[in-house]
């Protein structure tokens, strides 16, 4: 059974930075992508960034492009989300998503709060 666990959330002032981590564990035969999504209060969950595990190709939502960077450490089975120039509208619970040949796995989420 595959599991992902997020960490690194917290409270930061506008303009600040945070780095989220998502550690994957368990058996997976073929990992396709890992991604970050977020859900703000009263809103639907939205896509933030994605990385293809084998090639490292990345893709971002327009709202975070140029401010957020997704990366991976294959040896540690971990994906990161470096978030710079954070704004209050980035406040949300951030979820890690892993897609492999068994389907989609979600983490429990980590809270990011950006104060103005």
Protein backbone atom coordinates (compact mmCIF):
# COMPACT_ATOMS: atom_id res chain seq x y z
CA UNK A 1 0.00 0.00 0.00
CA UNK A 2 1.36 3.38 -1.05
CA UNK A 3 1.27 6.28 1.38
CA UNK A 4 2.27 9.93 1.13
CA UNK A 5 2.85 12.25 4.07
CA UNK A 6 3.13 16.01 3.77
CA UNK A 7 5.09 18.31 6.04
CA UNK A 8 6.44 21.84 6.14
CA UNK A 9 3.30 23.92 6.40
CA UNK A 10 2.96 26.83 8.76
CA UNK A 11 2.29 30.52 9.21
CA UNK A 12 4.26 33.03 7.19
CA UNK A 13 3.95 36.72 6.39
CA UNK A 14 3.16 37.91 2.90
CA UNK A 15 6.28 37.89 0.77
CA UNK A 16 7.80 35.05 2.74
CA UNK A 17 8.72 31.52 1.77
CA UNK A 18 7.96 27.97 2.81
CA UNK A 19 9.07 24.58 1.57
CA UNK A 20 6.67 21.68 1.67
CA UNK A 21 7.79 18.08 1.57
CA UNK A 22 5.90 14.96 0.56
CA UNK A 23 7.44 11.61 1.41
CA UNK A 24 6.15 8.52 -0.37
CA UNK A 25 6.38 5.04 1.08
CA UNK A 26 5.13 1.59 0.21
CA UNK A 27 5.41 -0.53 -2.86
CA UNK A 28 4.86 1.01 -6.26
CA UNK A 29 5.80 -0.64 -9.49
CA UNK A 30 5.61 2.37 -11.72
CA UNK A 31 5.26 5.92 -10.49
CA UNK A 32 3.96 8.34 -13.03
CA UNK A 33 3.58 11.73 -11.41
CA UNK A 34 3.55 13.48 -8.10
CA UNK A 35 1.70 16.69 -7.64
CA UNK A 36 0.52 19.34 -5.22
CA UNK A 37 -3.04 20.54 -4.91
CA UNK A 38 -4.54 23.03 -2.48
CA UNK A 39 -7.92 23.78 -1.03
CA UNK A 40 -8.84 27.09 0.51
CA UNK A 41 -11.82 27.47 2.86
CA UNK A 42 -15.07 27.40 0.94
CA UNK A 43 -13.36 26.57 -2.35
CA UNK A 44 -12.77 23.47 -4.39
CA UNK A 45 -9.45 21.71 -4.44
CA UNK A 46 -7.24 23.09 -7.19
CA UNK A 47 -4.12 21.97 -8.98
CA UNK A 48 -0.86 23.70 -8.06
CA UNK A 49 2.08 21.85 -9.62
CA UNK A 50 3.06 18.46 -11.02
CA UNK A 51 6.29 16.61 -11.73
CA UNK A 52 6.78 13.51 -13.84
CA UNK A 53 8.75 11.12 -11.72
CA UNK A 54 10.97 9.59 -14.39
CA UNK A 55 11.75 12.66 -16.48
CA UNK A 56 11.42 15.50 -14.00
CA UNK A 57 9.22 17.49 -16.34
CA UNK A 58 7.18 20.02 -14.39
CA UNK A 59 3.90 21.82 -14.91
CA UNK A 60 2.38 24.69 -12.91
CA UNK A 61 -0.89 26.46 -12.44
CA UNK A 62 -0.76 29.98 -13.80
CA UNK A 63 -1.42 31.39 -10.34
CA UNK A 64 1.87 30.05 -8.96
CA UNK A 65 4.09 30.08 -12.03
CA UNK A 66 7.33 31.92 -11.31
CA UNK A 67 6.82 31.77 -7.54
CA UNK A 68 6.59 28.05 -6.76
CA UNK A 69 9.01 25.31 -7.74
CA UNK A 70 8.33 21.59 -7.57
CA UNK A 71 11.25 19.18 -7.40
CA UNK A 72 11.96 15.59 -6.47
CA UNK A 73 14.59 13.50 -4.76
CA UNK A 74 14.37 10.01 -6.23
CA UNK A 75 16.61 8.48 -3.58
CA UNK A 76 14.41 9.80 -0.78
CA UNK A 77 11.11 9.18 -2.60
CA UNK A 78 10.25 12.75 -1.77
CA UNK A 79 8.82 15.66 -3.69
CA UNK A 80 9.17 19.25 -2.60
CA UNK A 81 7.28 22.45 -3.21
CA UNK A 82 9.34 25.59 -2.72
CA UNK A 83 6.96 28.49 -2.33
CA UNK A 84 8.32 32.03 -2.60
CA UNK A 85 6.64 35.43 -2.60
CA UNK A 86 3.68 33.97 -0.76
CA UNK A 87 0.47 35.94 -0.73
CA UNK A 88 -2.64 35.73 1.46
CA UNK A 89 -4.50 34.10 -1.41
CA UNK A 90 -2.06 31.18 -1.18
CA UNK A 91 -3.58 30.30 2.19
CA UNK A 92 -4.94 26.77 1.95
CA UNK A 93 -4.46 23.18 2.94
CA UNK A 94 -1.88 21.74 0.57
CA UNK A 95 -2.25 18.11 -0.48
CA UNK A 96 0.26 15.79 -2.06
CA UNK A 97 -0.92 13.46 -4.81
CA UNK A 98 0.87 10.43 -6.21
CA UNK A 99 -0.23 8.66 -9.38
CA UNK A 100 1.09 5.22 -10.16
CA UNK A 101 -0.11 1.98 -11.65
CA UNK A 102 -2.31 1.37 -8.61
CA UNK A 103 -4.17 4.67 -8.95
CA UNK A 104 -4.13 7.95 -7.08
CA UNK A 105 -2.98 8.37 -3.49
CA UNK A 106 -3.58 11.48 -1.42
CA UNK A 107 -1.99 12.72 1.75
CA UNK A 108 -3.76 14.23 4.73
CA UNK A 109 -2.67 17.74 3.86
CA UNK A 110 -0.62 20.45 5.52
CA UNK A 111 -1.91 23.91 6.38
CA UNK A 112 -0.27 26.98 4.88
CA UNK A 113 -1.39 30.35 6.23
CA UNK A 114 -0.11 33.61 4.79
CA UNK A 115 -0.80 36.73 6.81
CA UNK A 116 -1.03 40.17 5.24
